[in-house]
N, C-alpha and C. Protein backbone atom coordinates (compact mmCIF):
# COMPACT_ATOMS: atom_id res chain seq x y z
N TYR A 1 161.02 84.95 102.90
CA TYR A 1 161.09 85.77 101.70
C TYR A 1 160.11 85.25 100.67
N ASN A 2 159.31 86.16 100.08
CA ASN A 2 158.30 85.76 99.10
C ASN A 2 158.39 86.71 97.91
N PRO A 3 158.97 86.23 96.76
CA PRO A 3 159.09 87.12 95.61
C PRO A 3 157.75 87.57 95.06
N ALA A 4 156.71 86.77 95.20
CA ALA A 4 155.39 87.15 94.70
C ALA A 4 154.80 88.28 95.54
N ASN A 5 155.32 88.46 96.72
CA ASN A 5 154.81 89.48 97.64
C ASN A 5 155.76 90.67 97.70
N GLY A 6 156.54 90.88 96.65
CA GLY A 6 157.47 92.00 96.62
C GLY A 6 158.64 91.81 97.56
N GLY A 7 158.95 90.58 97.89
CA GLY A 7 160.08 90.30 98.76
C GLY A 7 159.76 90.41 100.24
N LYS A 8 158.50 90.69 100.57
CA LYS A 8 158.13 90.82 101.98
C LYS A 8 157.83 89.44 102.57
N ALA A 9 158.03 89.34 103.84
CA ALA A 9 157.68 88.11 104.54
C ALA A 9 156.16 88.03 104.62
N PRO A 10 155.60 86.82 104.54
CA PRO A 10 154.14 86.69 104.63
C PRO A 10 153.63 87.15 105.99
N ALA A 11 152.44 87.70 105.98
CA ALA A 11 151.84 88.16 107.24
C ALA A 11 151.45 86.96 108.07
N PRO A 12 151.55 87.09 109.39
CA PRO A 12 151.10 85.98 110.24
C PRO A 12 149.61 85.71 110.00
N ILE A 13 149.22 84.46 110.17
CA ILE A 13 147.83 84.08 109.88
C ILE A 13 146.86 84.90 110.72
N GLY A 14 147.18 85.13 111.96
CA GLY A 14 146.29 85.91 112.81
C GLY A 14 146.06 87.31 112.27
N ALA A 15 147.07 87.89 111.64
CA ALA A 15 146.94 89.24 111.08
C ALA A 15 146.01 89.25 109.88
N LEU A 16 145.96 88.16 109.13
CA LEU A 16 145.09 88.09 107.96
C LEU A 16 143.61 88.12 108.35
N HIS A 17 143.31 87.56 109.50
CA HIS A 17 141.92 87.44 109.92
C HIS A 17 141.56 88.38 111.07
N ALA A 18 142.43 89.33 111.37
CA ALA A 18 142.20 90.20 112.52
C ALA A 18 140.94 91.03 112.39
N ASN A 19 140.59 91.44 111.18
CA ASN A 19 139.43 92.31 110.99
C ASN A 19 138.15 91.56 110.66
N LYS A 20 138.21 90.24 110.57
CA LYS A 20 137.03 89.46 110.22
C LYS A 20 136.25 89.09 111.48
N ARG A 21 134.92 89.06 111.32
CA ARG A 21 134.04 88.69 112.42
C ARG A 21 134.18 87.20 112.69
N ASP A 22 134.12 86.81 113.94
CA ASP A 22 134.24 85.41 114.34
C ASP A 22 132.90 84.71 114.12
N SER A 23 132.80 83.94 113.04
CA SER A 23 131.54 83.27 112.73
C SER A 23 131.27 82.08 113.64
N THR A 24 132.25 81.68 114.45
CA THR A 24 132.06 80.55 115.36
C THR A 24 131.65 81.00 116.75
N ALA A 25 131.38 82.28 116.90
CA ALA A 25 130.94 82.86 118.17
C ALA A 25 131.92 82.56 119.30
N GLY A 26 133.21 82.53 118.96
CA GLY A 26 134.24 82.34 119.98
C GLY A 26 134.53 80.89 120.33
N VAL A 27 133.85 79.94 119.72
CA VAL A 27 134.05 78.53 120.05
C VAL A 27 135.49 78.10 119.77
N MET A 28 136.00 78.47 118.59
CA MET A 28 137.35 78.03 118.23
C MET A 28 138.40 78.67 119.13
N SER A 29 138.27 79.97 119.39
CA SER A 29 139.27 80.62 120.24
C SER A 29 139.18 80.07 121.67
N ASN A 30 137.98 79.78 122.15
CA ASN A 30 137.83 79.19 123.48
C ASN A 30 138.41 77.78 123.52
N LEU A 31 138.32 77.09 122.39
CA LEU A 31 138.84 75.74 122.31
C LEU A 31 140.37 75.75 122.36
N LEU A 32 140.99 76.68 121.67
CA LEU A 32 142.44 76.68 121.53
C LEU A 32 143.17 77.48 122.60
N TYR A 33 142.49 78.43 123.21
CA TYR A 33 143.14 79.29 124.20
C TYR A 33 142.28 79.36 125.45
N SER A 34 142.78 78.89 126.54
CA SER A 34 142.01 78.94 127.78
C SER A 34 142.19 80.29 128.47
N ASP A 35 141.31 80.57 129.41
CA ASP A 35 141.37 81.85 130.12
C ASP A 35 142.63 81.98 130.96
N ASP A 36 143.15 80.85 131.44
CA ASP A 36 144.33 80.92 132.31
C ASP A 36 145.64 80.93 131.52
N GLY A 37 145.56 80.93 130.17
CA GLY A 37 146.76 81.01 129.36
C GLY A 37 147.37 79.66 129.02
N ASN A 38 146.85 78.58 129.60
CA ASN A 38 147.37 77.25 129.31
C ASN A 38 146.79 76.73 128.00
N THR A 39 147.63 76.09 127.22
CA THR A 39 147.17 75.48 125.98
C THR A 39 146.53 74.14 126.29
N PRO A 40 145.32 73.87 125.78
CA PRO A 40 144.68 72.59 126.09
C PRO A 40 145.44 71.42 125.46
N THR A 41 145.27 70.26 126.03
CA THR A 41 145.92 69.06 125.51
C THR A 41 145.17 68.57 124.28
N LYS A 42 145.80 67.65 123.54
CA LYS A 42 145.15 67.07 122.37
C LYS A 42 143.85 66.37 122.76
N ASP A 43 143.86 65.69 123.89
CA ASP A 43 142.65 65.00 124.35
C ASP A 43 141.53 65.98 124.67
N GLU A 44 141.88 67.11 125.29
CA GLU A 44 140.86 68.13 125.59
C GLU A 44 140.29 68.73 124.31
N ILE A 45 141.15 68.98 123.33
CA ILE A 45 140.68 69.49 122.04
C ILE A 45 139.79 68.47 121.36
N PHE A 46 140.21 67.21 121.34
CA PHE A 46 139.42 66.15 120.72
C PHE A 46 138.05 66.04 121.39
N LYS A 47 138.03 66.03 122.71
CA LYS A 47 136.77 65.93 123.45
C LYS A 47 135.87 67.12 123.13
N SER A 48 136.45 68.30 123.08
CA SER A 48 135.67 69.49 122.80
C SER A 48 135.09 69.45 121.38
N LEU A 49 135.91 69.01 120.41
CA LEU A 49 135.44 68.95 119.02
C LEU A 49 134.38 67.88 118.82
N THR A 50 134.55 66.74 119.44
CA THR A 50 133.59 65.64 119.24
C THR A 50 132.29 65.85 120.02
N SER A 51 132.27 66.80 120.93
CA SER A 51 131.03 67.06 121.68
C SER A 51 130.23 68.22 121.08
N GLN A 52 130.71 68.77 119.96
CA GLN A 52 130.00 69.88 119.31
C GLN A 52 128.72 69.38 118.67
N THR A 53 127.73 70.24 118.62
CA THR A 53 126.48 69.90 117.91
C THR A 53 126.33 70.82 116.71
N VAL A 54 125.71 70.29 115.68
CA VAL A 54 125.51 71.04 114.44
C VAL A 54 124.02 71.02 114.12
N GLU A 55 123.50 72.17 113.78
CA GLU A 55 122.10 72.27 113.37
C GLU A 55 122.06 72.74 111.93
N ILE A 56 121.31 72.03 111.11
CA ILE A 56 121.16 72.40 109.71
C ILE A 56 119.96 73.32 109.58
N VAL A 57 120.15 74.42 108.89
CA VAL A 57 119.07 75.38 108.67
C VAL A 57 118.89 75.52 107.16
N LEU A 58 117.69 75.19 106.68
CA LEU A 58 117.39 75.31 105.26
C LEU A 58 116.57 76.58 105.05
N THR A 59 117.01 77.39 104.13
CA THR A 59 116.28 78.61 103.81
C THR A 59 116.02 78.66 102.32
N ALA A 60 115.02 79.41 101.93
CA ALA A 60 114.70 79.57 100.52
C ALA A 60 115.72 80.51 99.88
N HIS A 61 116.03 80.25 98.65
CA HIS A 61 116.90 81.16 97.91
C HIS A 61 116.12 82.44 97.67
N PRO A 62 116.75 83.61 97.75
CA PRO A 62 116.01 84.87 97.59
C PRO A 62 115.18 84.95 96.31
N THR A 63 115.63 84.29 95.25
CA THR A 63 114.85 84.36 94.02
C THR A 63 113.60 83.49 94.08
N GLN A 64 113.48 82.63 95.09
CA GLN A 64 112.31 81.77 95.22
C GLN A 64 111.26 82.36 96.16
N VAL A 65 111.57 83.47 96.76
CA VAL A 65 110.65 84.09 97.70
C VAL A 65 109.90 85.21 96.99
N ASN A 66 108.60 85.11 96.99
CA ASN A 66 107.79 86.18 96.40
C ASN A 66 107.25 87.07 97.51
N ARG A 67 107.28 88.35 97.26
CA ARG A 67 106.72 89.27 98.23
C ARG A 67 105.20 89.10 98.27
N ARG A 68 104.64 89.46 99.39
CA ARG A 68 103.20 89.34 99.59
C ARG A 68 102.43 90.12 98.52
N THR A 69 102.94 91.30 98.15
CA THR A 69 102.22 92.11 97.16
C THR A 69 102.15 91.40 95.81
N LEU A 70 103.22 90.71 95.43
CA LEU A 70 103.21 89.99 94.16
C LEU A 70 102.25 88.81 94.24
N LEU A 71 102.22 88.13 95.37
CA LEU A 71 101.28 87.02 95.54
C LEU A 71 99.83 87.52 95.47
N GLU A 72 99.59 88.69 96.04
CA GLU A 72 98.24 89.27 95.98
C GLU A 72 97.86 89.62 94.54
N LYS A 73 98.81 90.12 93.77
CA LYS A 73 98.55 90.44 92.37
C LYS A 73 98.22 89.18 91.58
N HIS A 74 98.96 88.11 91.82
CA HIS A 74 98.67 86.84 91.15
C HIS A 74 97.28 86.34 91.51
N SER A 75 96.91 86.51 92.77
CA SER A 75 95.57 86.10 93.22
C SER A 75 94.49 86.91 92.50
N ARG A 76 94.72 88.22 92.35
CA ARG A 76 93.74 89.05 91.64
C ARG A 76 93.63 88.65 90.17
N VAL A 77 94.75 88.30 89.54
CA VAL A 77 94.72 87.84 88.14
C VAL A 77 93.87 86.58 88.06
N GLN A 78 94.07 85.66 89.00
CA GLN A 78 93.28 84.42 88.99
C GLN A 78 91.78 84.71 89.15
N LYS A 79 91.43 85.62 90.04
CA LYS A 79 90.02 85.97 90.23
C LYS A 79 89.43 86.61 88.98
N ILE A 80 90.19 87.48 88.35
CA ILE A 80 89.72 88.14 87.12
C ILE A 80 89.50 87.09 86.04
N LEU A 81 90.45 86.17 85.88
CA LEU A 81 90.30 85.13 84.85
C LEU A 81 89.11 84.23 85.12
N THR A 82 88.90 83.89 86.39
CA THR A 82 87.75 83.05 86.75
C THR A 82 86.45 83.77 86.44
N GLU A 83 86.36 85.02 86.83
CA GLU A 83 85.13 85.79 86.56
C GLU A 83 84.93 85.98 85.06
N ALA A 84 86.02 86.21 84.33
CA ALA A 84 85.91 86.39 82.88
C ALA A 84 85.38 85.12 82.22
N ASP A 85 85.84 83.97 82.69
CA ASP A 85 85.31 82.69 82.16
C ASP A 85 83.81 82.57 82.43
N GLU A 86 83.39 82.94 83.63
CA GLU A 86 81.97 82.86 83.98
C GLU A 86 81.14 83.82 83.13
N VAL A 87 81.62 85.03 82.94
CA VAL A 87 80.89 86.03 82.14
C VAL A 87 80.78 85.57 80.69
N ARG A 88 81.86 85.05 80.15
CA ARG A 88 81.83 84.61 78.75
C ARG A 88 80.95 83.37 78.56
N SER A 89 80.97 82.45 79.53
CA SER A 89 80.17 81.24 79.38
C SER A 89 78.67 81.52 79.59
N SER A 90 78.34 82.56 80.35
CA SER A 90 76.94 82.89 80.59
C SER A 90 76.45 83.99 79.64
N LYS A 91 77.24 84.29 78.62
CA LYS A 91 76.89 85.34 77.65
C LYS A 91 76.66 86.66 78.35
N GLY A 92 77.59 87.02 79.25
CA GLY A 92 77.49 88.30 79.96
C GLY A 92 77.63 89.46 79.00
N THR A 93 77.45 90.63 79.53
CA THR A 93 77.47 91.83 78.70
C THR A 93 78.89 92.11 78.18
N SER A 94 78.94 92.72 77.02
CA SER A 94 80.25 93.06 76.45
C SER A 94 80.93 94.14 77.31
N TYR A 95 80.12 94.96 77.98
CA TYR A 95 80.68 95.98 78.86
C TYR A 95 81.45 95.33 80.01
N ARG A 96 80.84 94.31 80.63
CA ARG A 96 81.50 93.61 81.75
C ARG A 96 82.74 92.88 81.25
N GLN A 97 82.67 92.29 80.08
CA GLN A 97 83.84 91.62 79.51
C GLN A 97 84.98 92.62 79.31
N GLN A 98 84.64 93.81 78.81
CA GLN A 98 85.65 94.84 78.60
C GLN A 98 86.25 95.30 79.93
N GLN A 99 85.42 95.43 80.96
CA GLN A 99 85.92 95.81 82.29
C GLN A 99 86.93 94.78 82.80
N LEU A 100 86.61 93.51 82.64
CA LEU A 100 87.51 92.45 83.10
C LEU A 100 88.80 92.42 82.28
N ASP A 101 88.69 92.61 80.98
CA ASP A 101 89.89 92.66 80.13
C ASP A 101 90.81 93.81 80.55
N ASP A 102 90.21 94.97 80.83
CA ASP A 102 91.00 96.13 81.27
C ASP A 102 91.65 95.87 82.63
N ALA A 103 90.89 95.25 83.54
CA ALA A 103 91.44 94.93 84.86
C ALA A 103 92.61 93.95 84.74
N LEU A 104 92.47 92.98 83.84
CA LEU A 104 93.54 92.01 83.63
C LEU A 104 94.79 92.69 83.08
N ARG A 105 94.61 93.58 82.13
CA ARG A 105 95.75 94.31 81.56
C ARG A 105 96.47 95.13 82.64
N ARG A 106 95.68 95.78 83.50
CA ARG A 106 96.28 96.58 84.58
C ARG A 106 97.09 95.71 85.54
N GLU A 107 96.54 94.56 85.91
CA GLU A 107 97.24 93.67 86.84
C GLU A 107 98.53 93.13 86.22
N ILE A 108 98.46 92.74 84.96
CA ILE A 108 99.66 92.21 84.29
C ILE A 108 100.72 93.30 84.16
N ALA A 109 100.31 94.50 83.82
CA ALA A 109 101.25 95.62 83.73
C ALA A 109 101.88 95.89 85.10
N SER A 110 101.08 95.80 86.14
CA SER A 110 101.56 96.03 87.49
C SER A 110 102.58 94.96 87.89
N ILE A 111 102.31 93.72 87.51
CA ILE A 111 103.25 92.63 87.81
C ILE A 111 104.57 92.84 87.07
N TRP A 112 104.49 93.25 85.81
CA TRP A 112 105.70 93.45 85.02
C TRP A 112 106.57 94.58 85.58
N GLN A 113 105.95 95.52 86.28
CA GLN A 113 106.71 96.64 86.83
C GLN A 113 107.35 96.34 88.18
N THR A 114 107.10 95.14 88.73
CA THR A 114 107.68 94.81 90.03
C THR A 114 109.15 94.46 89.88
N ASP A 115 109.87 94.60 90.95
CA ASP A 115 111.31 94.32 90.96
C ASP A 115 111.61 92.84 90.69
N GLU A 116 110.74 91.93 91.17
CA GLU A 116 110.99 90.51 91.00
C GLU A 116 111.00 90.09 89.54
N VAL A 117 110.13 90.69 88.74
CA VAL A 117 110.05 90.33 87.32
C VAL A 117 111.17 90.98 86.53
N SER A 118 111.57 92.19 86.90
CA SER A 118 112.57 92.92 86.14
C SER A 118 113.98 92.36 86.32
N ARG A 119 114.20 91.51 87.32
CA ARG A 119 115.53 90.92 87.52
C ARG A 119 115.78 89.97 86.45
């Protein structure tokens, strides 16, 4: 009897997890229940558990991964800035300087409109 559950008896543990996917790929159920219906001994369970292998997988957090298009935009900004420095240091034409300034504005606006920046 469970008053917090409206007086109903608690559900069996197996019923709570019946609809969940087995993240152990059947290892735990194979460990605890044999095909012939016999329950394994404590020694068999211990041996099975201590012979398991674990592999660590490190992945980047989704917010640390930049899409290729964003990386390409950053590369174009760098190229524009480098060329703008060269044009200004060599007293290039004001027309070329204006072209580079406009290109830089377009790239920055394009970066700001990406999903990664708007998050």
